[in-house]
Amino acid sequence: MDVIVAGNREELGKAREAAGPGRYALVPTMGALHEGHRSLIRLAREQADQVVVSIFVNPLQFGPHEDFSRYPRTFEADLGVCAEEGVRVVFAPAVADMYLPDRQVAVSAGAMGSVVEGAFRPGHFDGVLTVVLKLFNLVQPDVAVFGQKDAQQLALVRRMVADLNLPIAIVGAPTVREADGLALSSRNRYLSPADRMTALNLSKALRAGAVQREPERIKDAARAVLETAARFDPPLLLDYLALVDPATFTEVTEDHRGEAILAVAAKVGTTRLIDNVVLALG
């Protein structure tokens, strides 16, 4: 079956009619689809009868000095990926179809959106949650699939669904890595060979932390790897290393028991990368 492409609310309604009834899963993306996105789509197909993939580079989640204009846009290749993975509908709206020019109302990510990644990208998660809520309202999915690589985003979407009583199941998909351990990202294409060698220390640091059991030792082991990589050429420029509760993204204490997320963000050259690993403490 061919992929049905919809660009606005009216076309999306017709696309759903053409796709037929059943349980719908949404995979929200900004395009530049890679193997990580394929894994999300495959998980979505297990959860529902029909899969909708949204492709929309959301301007609200980019800061004034971030890479909105540079972000890769590969729509025809993305359609090919969706066709190969059995996606029924692709929703690819323009900015004007998503946002009124005089828009007034947006979603606030609250205190949870202002820590860790949010501390370095003010307003980012407000933009993420605003577009996700709009996609939920437009697509009306029964389930939505997000990647664990964007762990704070996943946690905030789950919190929004709970706080706003949205009738949507949120499913997290494991991080997909390349053979050398680098977490898949649309931004990896910006890395030079030397950049990539430095960037590998993100996952190396997480692995070093993961073999420890106490919070301070976890962070110390990971930090040692990152401090060494800061002296490389090109250097790894650390934004943060945090060990947090996966539900609230507050720093864990020494007596924390249960899951925790070791999260890291750093810049290599002109490319900013994030990564994380889920740990069991206690």
C-alpha atoms as a PDB file:
ATOM      1  CA  MET A   1       0.000   0.000   0.000  1.00  0.00           C
ATOM      2  CA  ASP A   2       1.196   3.518  -0.802  1.00  0.00           C
ATOM      3  CA  VAL A   3       1.889   6.019   1.950  1.00  0.00           C
ATOM      4  CA  ILE A   4      -0.788   8.699   2.194  1.00  0.00           C
ATOM      5  CA  VAL A   5       0.743  12.156   2.696  1.00  0.00           C
ATOM      6  CA  ALA A   6      -1.280  14.840   4.490  1.00  0.00           C
ATOM      7  CA  GLY A   7      -0.232  18.445   4.901  1.00  0.00           C
ATOM      8  CA  ASN A   8      -3.031  19.947   6.993  1.00  0.00           C
ATOM      9  CA  ARG A   9      -5.990  19.052   9.227  1.00  0.00           C
ATOM     10  CA  GLU A  10      -8.406  18.496   6.347  1.00  0.00           C
ATOM     11  CA  GLU A  11      -6.013  16.251   4.429  1.00  0.00           C
ATOM     12  CA  LEU A  12      -5.218  14.364   7.624  1.00  0.00           C
ATOM     13  CA  GLY A  13      -8.917  13.640   8.191  1.00  0.00           C
ATOM     14  CA  LYS A  14      -9.229  12.283   4.654  1.00  0.00           C
ATOM     15  CA  ALA A  15      -6.062  10.239   5.106  1.00  0.00           C
ATOM     16  CA  ARG A  16      -7.457   8.590   8.218  1.00  0.00           C
ATOM     17  CA  GLU A  17     -10.673   7.781   6.370  1.00  0.00           C
ATOM     18  CA  ALA A  18      -8.675   6.215   3.535  1.00  0.00           C
ATOM     19  CA  ALA A  19      -6.468   4.271   5.943  1.00  0.00           C
ATOM     20  CA  GLY A  20      -9.490   2.779   7.642  1.00  0.00           C
ATOM     21  CA  PRO A  21     -10.550   2.070  11.215  1.00  0.00           C
ATOM     22  CA  GLY A  22      -8.559   0.505  14.006  1.00  0.00           C
ATOM     23  CA  ARG A  23      -6.072   1.465  16.651  1.00  0.00           C
ATOM     24  CA  TYR A  24      -3.709   4.294  15.591  1.00  0.00           C
ATOM     25  CA  ALA A  25      -0.123   4.886  16.693  1.00  0.00           C
ATOM     26  CA  LEU A  26       1.746   8.156  16.194  1.00  0.00           C
ATOM     27  CA  VAL A  27       5.517   8.468  15.802  1.00  0.00           C
ATOM     28  CA  PRO A  28       6.395  12.181  16.000  1.00  0.00           C
ATOM     29  CA  THR A  29       9.642  13.089  14.167  1.00  0.00           C
ATOM     30  CA  MET A  30      11.447  16.040  12.668  1.00  0.00           C
ATOM     31  CA  GLY A  31      12.436  13.986   9.632  1.00  0.00           C
ATOM     32  CA  ALA A  32      15.962  12.981   8.562  1.00  0.00           C
ATOM     33  CA  LEU A  33      14.864   9.462   9.470  1.00  0.00           C
ATOM     34  CA  HIS A  34      17.482   6.883  10.437  1.00  0.00           C
ATOM     35  CA  GLU A  35      17.583   3.395  11.983  1.00  0.00           C
ATOM     36  CA  GLY A  36      16.504   4.786  15.325  1.00  0.00           C
ATOM     37  CA  HIS A  37      13.310   6.101  13.757  1.00  0.00           C
ATOM     38  CA  ARG A  38      12.780   2.761  12.036  1.00  0.00           C
ATOM     39  CA  SER A  39      12.869   1.096  15.450  1.00  0.00           C
ATOM     40  CA  LEU A  40      10.180   3.509  16.690  1.00  0.00           C
ATOM     41  CA  ILE A  41       7.990   2.743  13.677  1.00  0.00           C
ATOM     42  CA  ARG A  42       8.407  -1.012  14.143  1.00  0.00           C
ATOM     43  CA  LEU A  43       7.436  -0.727  17.796  1.00  0.00           C
ATOM     44  CA  ALA A  44       4.429   1.404  16.806  1.00  0.00           C
ATOM     45  CA  ARG A  45       3.291  -1.278  14.353  1.00  0.00           C
ATOM     46  CA  GLU A  46       3.271  -3.761  17.233  1.00  0.00           C
ATOM     47  CA  GLN A  47       1.033  -1.417  19.212  1.00  0.00           C
ATOM     48  CA  ALA A  48      -1.605  -0.496  16.616  1.00  0.00           C
ATOM     49  CA  ASP A  49      -3.342  -1.306  13.350  1.00  0.00           C
ATOM     50  CA  GLN A  50      -2.243   1.888  11.585  1.00  0.00           C
ATOM     51  CA  VAL A  51       0.889   4.019  12.014  1.00  0.00           C
ATOM     52  CA  VAL A  52       1.066   7.762  11.418  1.00  0.00           C
ATOM     53  CA  VAL A  53       4.509   9.374  11.227  1.00  0.00           C
ATOM     54  CA  SER A  54       4.639  13.147  11.573  1.00  0.00           C
ATOM     55  CA  ILE A  55       7.505  15.009   9.902  1.00  0.00           C
ATOM     56  CA  PHE A  56       7.742  18.576  11.141  1.00  0.00           C
ATOM     57  CA  VAL A  57      10.811  20.618  12.058  1.00  0.00           C
ATOM     58  CA  ASN A  58       9.314  22.523  14.950  1.00  0.00           C
ATOM     59  CA  PRO A  59      10.633  26.104  15.214  1.00  0.00           C
ATOM     60  CA  LEU A  60       9.350  26.511  18.775  1.00  0.00           C
ATOM     61  CA  GLN A  61      11.895  24.101  20.216  1.00  0.00           C
ATOM     62  CA  PHE A  62      14.948  25.790  18.702  1.00  0.00           C
ATOM     63  CA  GLY A  63      16.688  28.627  20.530  1.00  0.00           C
ATOM     64  CA  PRO A  64      17.899  31.802  18.766  1.00  0.00           C
ATOM     65  CA  HIS A  65      21.421  30.425  18.233  1.00  0.00           C
ATOM     66  CA  GLU A  66      20.488  26.811  17.493  1.00  0.00           C
ATOM     67  CA  ASP A  67      20.408  24.948  14.186  1.00  0.00           C
ATOM     68  CA  PHE A  68      16.809  25.339  12.948  1.00  0.00           C
ATOM     69  CA  SER A  69      17.811  26.493   9.456  1.00  0.00           C
ATOM     70  CA  ARG A  70      20.614  23.927   9.304  1.00  0.00           C
ATOM     71  CA  TYR A  71      18.580  20.983  10.562  1.00  0.00           C
ATOM     72  CA  PRO A  72      18.569  18.286   7.832  1.00  0.00           C
ATOM     73  CA  ARG A  73      15.440  18.069   5.698  1.00  0.00           C
ATOM     74  CA  THR A  74      15.280  14.895   3.589  1.00  0.00           C
ATOM     75  CA  PHE A  75      11.584  14.509   2.869  1.00  0.00           C
ATOM     76  CA  GLU A  76      11.717  12.225  -0.171  1.00  0.00           C
ATOM     77  CA  ALA A  77      14.146   9.853   1.527  1.00  0.00           C
ATOM     78  CA  ASP A  78      11.956   9.943   4.654  1.00  0.00           C
ATOM     79  CA  LEU A  79       8.915   8.912   2.600  1.00  0.00           C
ATOM     80  CA  GLY A  80      10.927   5.964   1.285  1.00  0.00           C
ATOM     81  CA  VAL A  81      11.740   4.873   4.849  1.00  0.00           C
ATOM     82  CA  CYS A  82       8.077   5.140   5.828  1.00  0.00           C
ATOM     83  CA  ALA A  83       6.989   3.095   2.819  1.00  0.00           C
ATOM     84  CA  GLU A  84       9.544   0.374   3.619  1.00  0.00           C
ATOM     85  CA  GLU A  85       8.361   0.219   7.244  1.00  0.00           C
ATOM     86  CA  GLY A  86       4.654  -0.061   6.449  1.00  0.00           C
ATOM     87  CA  VAL A  87       3.606   3.415   7.574  1.00  0.00           C
ATOM     88  CA  ARG A  88       0.102   4.224   6.351  1.00  0.00           C
ATOM     89  CA  VAL A  89      -0.008   8.004   6.813  1.00  0.00           C
ATOM     90  CA  VAL A  90       2.677  10.697   6.873  1.00  0.00           C
ATOM     91  CA  PHE A  91       1.587  14.017   8.322  1.00  0.00           C
ATOM     92  CA  ALA A  92       3.923  16.758   7.075  1.00  0.00           C
ATOM     93  CA  PRO A  93       2.413  20.174   7.804  1.00  0.00           C
ATOM     94  CA  ALA A  94       3.956  23.554   7.066  1.00  0.00           C
ATOM     95  CA  VAL A  95       4.688  25.951   9.918  1.00  0.00           C
ATOM     96  CA  ALA A  96       1.678  28.049   8.868  1.00  0.00           C
ATOM     97  CA  ASP A  97      -0.560  24.975   9.203  1.00  0.00           C
ATOM     98  CA  MET A  98       0.626  24.387  12.768  1.00  0.00           C
ATOM     99  CA  TYR A  99       0.883  27.892  14.221  1.00  0.00           C
ATOM    100  CA  LEU A 100      -1.270  30.978  13.846  1.00  0.00           C
ATOM    101  CA  PRO A 101       0.793  34.112  13.172  1.00  0.00           C
ATOM    102  CA  ASP A 102      -0.610  35.738  16.318  1.00  0.00           C
ATOM    103  CA  ARG A 103      -0.623  32.612  18.488  1.00  0.00           C
ATOM    104  CA  GLN A 104      -1.085  33.318  22.190  1.00  0.00           C
ATOM    105  CA  VAL A 105      -1.386  29.995  24.059  1.00  0.00           C
ATOM    106  CA  ALA A 106       1.335  27.399  24.567  1.00  0.00           C
ATOM    107  CA  VAL A 107       2.144  24.543  26.933  1.00  0.00           C
ATOM    108  CA  SER A 108       4.493  25.188  29.852  1.00  0.00           C
ATOM    109  CA  ALA A 109       6.863  22.388  30.831  1.00  0.00           C
ATOM    110  CA  GLY A 110       7.018  23.811  34.358  1.00  0.00           C
ATOM    111  CA  ALA A 111       9.891  23.261  36.760  1.00  0.00           C
ATOM    112  CA  MET A 112      10.595  19.815  35.306  1.00  0.00           C
ATOM    113  CA  GLY A 113      11.341  21.433  31.947  1.00  0.00           C
ATOM    114  CA  SER A 114      13.837  23.923  33.362  1.00  0.00           C
ATOM    115  CA  VAL A 115      16.428  21.462  34.708  1.00  0.00           C
ATOM    116  CA  VAL A 116      19.151  19.310  33.098  1.00  0.00           C
ATOM    117  CA  GLU A 117      18.624  19.779  29.316  1.00  0.00           C
ATOM    118  CA  GLY A 118      16.101  22.541  29.971  1.00  0.00           C
ATOM    119  CA  ALA A 119      18.659  24.561  31.927  1.00  0.00           C
ATOM    120  CA  PHE A 120      20.847  24.787  28.824  1.00  0.00           C
ATOM    121  CA  ARG A 121      17.966  25.276  26.376  1.00  0.00           C
ATOM    122  CA  PRO A 122      15.458  27.645  28.017  1.00  0.00           C
ATOM    123  CA  GLY A 123      11.988  27.272  26.540  1.00  0.00           C
ATOM    124  CA  HIS A 124      12.941  24.165  24.567  1.00  0.00           C
ATOM    125  CA  PHE A 125      10.550  21.831  26.326  1.00  0.00           C
ATOM    126  CA  ASP A 126       7.712  24.366  26.185  1.00  0.00           C
ATOM    127  CA  GLY A 127       8.099  24.190  22.405  1.00  0.00           C
ATOM    128  CA  VAL A 128       8.316  20.388  22.438  1.00  0.00           C
ATOM    129  CA  LEU A 129       5.184  19.907  24.536  1.00  0.00           C
ATOM    130  CA  THR A 130       3.245  22.512  22.566  1.00  0.00           C
ATOM    131  CA  VAL A 131       3.869  20.778  19.253  1.00  0.00           C
ATOM    132  CA  VAL A 132       3.307  17.308  20.731  1.00  0.00           C
ATOM    133  CA  LEU A 133      -0.055  18.358  22.159  1.00  0.00           C
ATOM    134  CA  LYS A 134      -1.031  19.856  18.804  1.00  0.00           C
ATOM    135  CA  LEU A 135      -0.036  16.636  17.037  1.00  0.00           C
ATOM    136  CA  PHE A 136      -2.048  14.613  19.534  1.00  0.00           C
ATOM    137  CA  ASN A 137      -5.108  16.808  18.907  1.00  0.00           C
ATOM    138  CA  LEU A 138      -4.723  16.602  15.129  1.00  0.00           C
ATOM    139  CA  VAL A 139      -3.854  12.915  14.723  1.00  0.00           C
ATOM    140  CA  GLN A 140      -5.968  11.582  17.622  1.00  0.00           C
ATOM    141  CA  PRO A 141      -3.749   8.542  18.225  1.00  0.00           C
ATOM    142  CA  ASP A 142      -4.421   5.772  20.710  1.00  0.00           C
ATOM    143  CA  VAL A 143      -0.705   5.374  21.388  1.00  0.00           C
ATOM    144  CA  ALA A 144       2.419   7.433  20.703  1.00  0.00           C
ATOM    145  CA  VAL A 145       6.005   6.185  20.568  1.00  0.00           C
ATOM    146  CA  PHE A 146       9.044   8.231  21.652  1.00  0.00           C
ATOM    147  CA  GLY A 147      12.725   7.322  21.900  1.00  0.00           C
ATOM    148  CA  GLN A 148      14.524   6.848  25.198  1.00  0.00           C
ATOM    149  CA  LYS A 149      17.499   8.779  23.801  1.00  0.00           C
ATOM    150  CA  ASP A 150      15.507  11.960  24.450  1.00  0.00           C
ATOM    151  CA  ALA A 151      14.823  10.803  27.994  1.00  0.00           C
ATOM    152  CA  GLN A 152      13.718  14.122  29.449  1.00  0.00           C
ATOM    153  CA  GLN A 153      11.371  14.709  26.534  1.00  0.00           C
ATOM    154  CA  LEU A 154       9.851  11.261  27.080  1.00  0.00           C
ATOM    155  CA  ALA A 155       9.390  11.946  30.795  1.00  0.00           C
ATOM    156  CA  LEU A 156       7.774  15.324  30.131  1.00  0.00           C
ATOM    157  CA  VAL A 157       5.382  13.916  27.521  1.00  0.00           C
ATOM    158  CA  ARG A 158       4.322  11.256  30.009  1.00  0.00           C
ATOM    159  CA  ARG A 159       3.792  13.941  32.647  1.00  0.00           C
ATOM    160  CA  MET A 160       1.767  16.109  30.239  1.00  0.00           C
ATOM    161  CA  VAL A 161      -0.460  13.158  29.346  1.00  0.00           C
ATOM    162  CA  ALA A 162      -1.034  12.463  33.047  1.00  0.00           C
ATOM    163  CA  ASP A 163      -1.545  16.102  34.074  1.00  0.00           C
ATOM    164  CA  LEU A 164      -3.905  16.922  31.185  1.00  0.00           C
ATOM    165  CA  ASN A 165      -5.798  13.600  31.264  1.00  0.00           C
ATOM    166  CA  LEU A 166      -5.029  12.741  27.655  1.00  0.00           C
ATOM    167  CA  PRO A 167      -6.365   9.328  26.544  1.00  0.00           C
ATOM    168  CA  ILE A 168      -3.100   8.285  24.901  1.00  0.00           C
ATOM    169  CA  ALA A 169      -0.674   5.519  25.882  1.00  0.00           C
ATOM    170  CA  ILE A 170       2.972   6.643  25.754  1.00  0.00           C
ATOM    171  CA  VAL A 171       5.521   3.993  24.827  1.00  0.00           C
ATOM    172  CA  GLY A 172       9.279   4.493  25.210  1.00  0.00           C
ATOM    173  CA  ALA A 173      11.618   2.796  22.745  1.00  0.00           C
ATOM    174  CA  PRO A 174      15.211   1.819  23.618  1.00  0.00           C
ATOM    175  CA  THR A 175      18.078   3.923  22.275  1.00  0.00           C
ATOM    176  CA  VAL A 176      19.551   2.573  19.041  1.00  0.00           C
ATOM    177  CA  ARG A 177      23.319   2.834  18.685  1.00  0.00           C
ATOM    178  CA  GLU A 178      25.738   2.570  15.824  1.00  0.00           C
ATOM    179  CA  ALA A 179      28.310  -0.228  15.867  1.00  0.00           C
ATOM    180  CA  ASP A 180      30.855   1.980  17.636  1.00  0.00           C
ATOM    181  CA  GLY A 181      28.398   2.876  20.418  1.00  0.00           C
ATOM    182  CA  LEU A 182      27.385   6.366  19.267  1.00  0.00           C
ATOM    183  CA  ALA A 183      23.676   6.950  19.832  1.00  0.00           C
ATOM    184  CA  LEU A 184      21.881   7.453  16.526  1.00  0.00           C
ATOM    185  CA  SER A 185      20.967  11.070  15.855  1.00  0.00           C
ATOM    186  CA  SER A 186      20.078  13.122  12.800  1.00  0.00           C
ATOM    187  CA  ARG A 187      22.923  15.433  13.851  1.00  0.00           C
ATOM    188  CA  ASN A 188      25.591  12.717  13.591  1.00  0.00           C
ATOM    189  CA  ARG A 189      25.949  13.551   9.899  1.00  0.00           C
ATOM    190  CA  TYR A 190      27.580  16.838  10.917  1.00  0.00           C
ATOM    191  CA  LEU A 191      30.493  15.082  12.648  1.00  0.00           C
ATOM    192  CA  SER A 192      33.862  14.934  10.915  1.00  0.00           C
ATOM    193  CA  PRO A 193      35.911  11.737  11.427  1.00  0.00           C
ATOM    194  CA  ALA A 194      37.892  13.495  14.176  1.00  0.00           C
ATOM    195  CA  ASP A 195      34.703  14.852  15.751  1.00  0.00           C
ATOM    196  CA  ARG A 196      33.257  11.368  15.800  1.00  0.00           C
ATOM    197  CA  MET A 197      36.258   9.881  17.603  1.00  0.00           C
ATOM    198  CA  THR A 198      35.827  12.475  20.341  1.00  0.00           C
ATOM    199  CA  ALA A 199      32.041  12.024  20.424  1.00  0.00           C
ATOM    200  CA  LEU A 200      32.424   8.326  21.203  1.00  0.00           C
ATOM    201  CA  ASN A 201      33.445   9.352  24.718  1.00  0.00           C
ATOM    202  CA  LEU A 202      29.814  10.173  25.514  1.00  0.00           C
ATOM    203  CA  SER A 203      28.787   6.519  25.393  1.00  0.00           C
ATOM    204  CA  LYS A 204      32.150   5.484  26.877  1.00  0.00           C
ATOM    205  CA  ALA A 205      31.475   7.719  29.885  1.00  0.00           C
ATOM    206  CA  LEU A 206      28.011   6.240  30.340  1.00  0.00           C
ATOM    207  CA  ARG A 207      29.417   2.718  30.240  1.00  0.00           C
ATOM    208  CA  ALA A 208      32.049   3.665  32.817  1.00  0.00           C
ATOM    209  CA  GLY A 209      29.368   5.015  35.118  1.00  0.00           C
ATOM    210  CA  ALA A 210      27.033   2.095  34.581  1.00  0.00           C
ATOM    211  CA  VAL A 211      29.387  -0.451  36.161  1.00  0.00           C
ATOM    212  CA  GLN A 212      29.330   1.458  39.473  1.00  0.00           C
ATOM    213  CA  ARG A 213      26.554   1.173  42.043  1.00  0.00           C
ATOM    214  CA  GLU A 214      26.706   4.295  44.234  1.00  0.00           C
ATOM    215  CA  PRO A 215      25.555   7.669  42.834  1.00  0.00           C
ATOM    216  CA  GLU A 216      28.798   9.558  43.502  1.00  0.00           C
ATOM    217  CA  ARG A 217      30.948   6.755  42.123  1.00  0.00           C
ATOM    218  CA  ILE A 218      28.744   6.556  39.037  1.00  0.00           C
ATOM    219  CA  LYS A 219      29.223  10.244  38.304  1.00  0.00           C
ATOM    220  CA  ASP A 220      32.921  10.217  39.200  1.00  0.00           C
ATOM    221  CA  ALA A 221      33.644   7.332  36.808  1.00  0.00           C
ATOM    222  CA  ALA A 222      31.745   8.979  33.970  1.00  0.00           C
ATOM    223  CA  ARG A 223      33.273  12.392  34.683  1.00  0.00           C
ATOM    224  CA  ALA A 224      36.802  10.991  34.495  1.00  0.00           C
ATOM    225  CA  VAL A 225      36.204   9.857  30.906  1.00  0.00           C
ATOM    226  CA  LEU A 226      34.670  13.211  29.965  1.00  0.00           C
ATOM    227  CA  GLU A 227      37.528  15.188  31.530  1.00  0.00           C
ATOM    228  CA  THR A 228      40.041  13.195  29.491  1.00  0.00           C
ATOM    229  CA  ALA A 229      38.031  13.817  26.312  1.00  0.00           C
ATOM    230  CA  ALA A 230      38.024  17.553  27.065  1.00  0.00           C
ATOM    231  CA  ARG A 231      41.755  17.502  26.228  1.00  0.00           C
ATOM    232  CA  PHE A 232      41.299  15.836  22.844  1.00  0.00           C
ATOM    233  CA  ASP A 233      41.552  17.559  19.454  1.00  0.00           C
ATOM    234  CA  PRO A 234      38.789  18.461  18.882  1.00  0.00           C
ATOM    235  CA  PRO A 235      37.794  18.652  22.553  1.00  0.00           C
ATOM    236  CA  LEU A 236      34.578  17.414  24.122  1.00  0.00           C
ATOM    237  CA  LEU A 237      32.927  20.501  25.647  1.00  0.00           C
ATOM    238  CA  LEU A 238      30.641  19.292  28.429  1.00  0.00           C
ATOM    239  CA  ASP A 239      27.289  20.948  29.133  1.00  0.00           C
ATOM    240  CA  TYR A 240      26.193  18.598  31.897  1.00  0.00           C
ATOM    241  CA  LEU A 241      26.485  15.189  33.481  1.00  0.00           C
ATOM    242  CA  ALA A 242      23.487  14.351  35.666  1.00  0.00           C
ATOM    243  CA  LEU A 243      22.154  11.337  37.553  1.00  0.00           C
ATOM    244  CA  VAL A 244      18.412  11.859  37.884  1.00  0.00           C
ATOM    245  CA  ASP A 245      15.114  10.256  38.786  1.00  0.00           C
ATOM    246  CA  PRO A 246      13.491   9.154  35.478  1.00  0.00           C
ATOM    247  CA  ALA A 247      10.047  10.458  36.457  1.00  0.00           C
ATOM    248  CA  THR A 248      10.995  13.917  37.754  1.00  0.00           C
ATOM    249  CA  PHE A 249      14.527  14.589  36.461  1.00  0.00           C
ATOM    250  CA  THR A 250      15.617  15.724  39.912  1.00  0.00           C
ATOM    251  CA  GLU A 251      19.086  14.656  41.043  1.00  0.00           C
ATOM    252  CA  VAL A 252      19.062  11.372  42.916  1.00  0.00           C
ATOM    253  CA  THR A 253      20.335  11.128  46.472  1.00  0.00           C
ATOM    254  CA  GLU A 254      22.731   8.575  47.951  1.00  0.00           C
ATOM    255  CA  ASP A 255      19.806   6.575  49.351  1.00  0.00           C
ATOM    256  CA  HIS A 256      17.921   6.420  46.024  1.00  0.00           C
ATOM    257  CA  ARG A 257      16.543   2.998  45.164  1.00  0.00           C
ATOM    258  CA  GLY A 258      15.180   1.917  41.794  1.00  0.00           C
ATOM    259  CA  GLU A 259      15.788   3.301  38.310  1.00  0.00           C
ATOM    260  CA  ALA A 260      17.926   6.347  37.615  1.00  0.00           C
ATOM    261  CA  ILE A 261      19.079   7.983  34.392  1.00  0.00           C
ATOM    262  CA  LEU A 262      22.685   8.969  33.811  1.00  0.00           C
ATOM    263  CA  ALA A 263      22.440  11.757  31.221  1.00  0.00           C
ATOM    264  CA  VAL A 264      25.115  13.709  29.394  1.00  0.00           C
ATOM    265  CA  ALA A 265      25.229  16.519  26.840  1.00  0.00           C
ATOM    266  CA  ALA A 266      28.295  17.981  25.146  1.00  0.00           C
ATOM    267  CA  LYS A 267      29.428  19.784  22.036  1.00  0.00           C
ATOM    268  CA  VAL A 268      32.016  18.472  19.581  1.00  0.00           C
ATOM    269  CA  GLY A 269      33.014  21.024  17.001  1.00  0.00           C
ATOM    270  CA  THR A 270      29.747  22.694  15.992  1.00  0.00           C
ATOM    271  CA  THR A 271      27.553  19.707  16.886  1.00  0.00           C
ATOM    272  CA  ARG A 272      25.759  19.267  20.203  1.00  0.00           C
ATOM    273  CA  LEU A 273      24.931  15.694  21.221  1.00  0.00           C
ATOM    274  CA  ILE A 274      22.993  14.101  24.075  1.00  0.00           C
ATOM    275  CA  ASP A 275      22.985  10.567  25.418  1.00  0.00           C
ATOM    276  CA  ASN A 276      21.825   8.647  28.477  1.00  0.00           C
ATOM    277  CA  VAL A 277      21.605   5.237  30.059  1.00  0.00           C
ATOM    278  CA  VAL A 278      19.038   3.798  32.476  1.00  0.00           C
ATOM    279  CA  LEU A 279      20.529   2.318  35.655  1.00  0.00           C
ATOM    280  CA  ALA A 280      19.122   0.326  38.569  1.00  0.00           C
ATOM    281  CA  LEU A 281      20.321   1.582  41.955  1.00  0.00           C
ATOM    282  CA  GLY A 282      20.084  -0.171  45.300  1.00  0.00           C
END
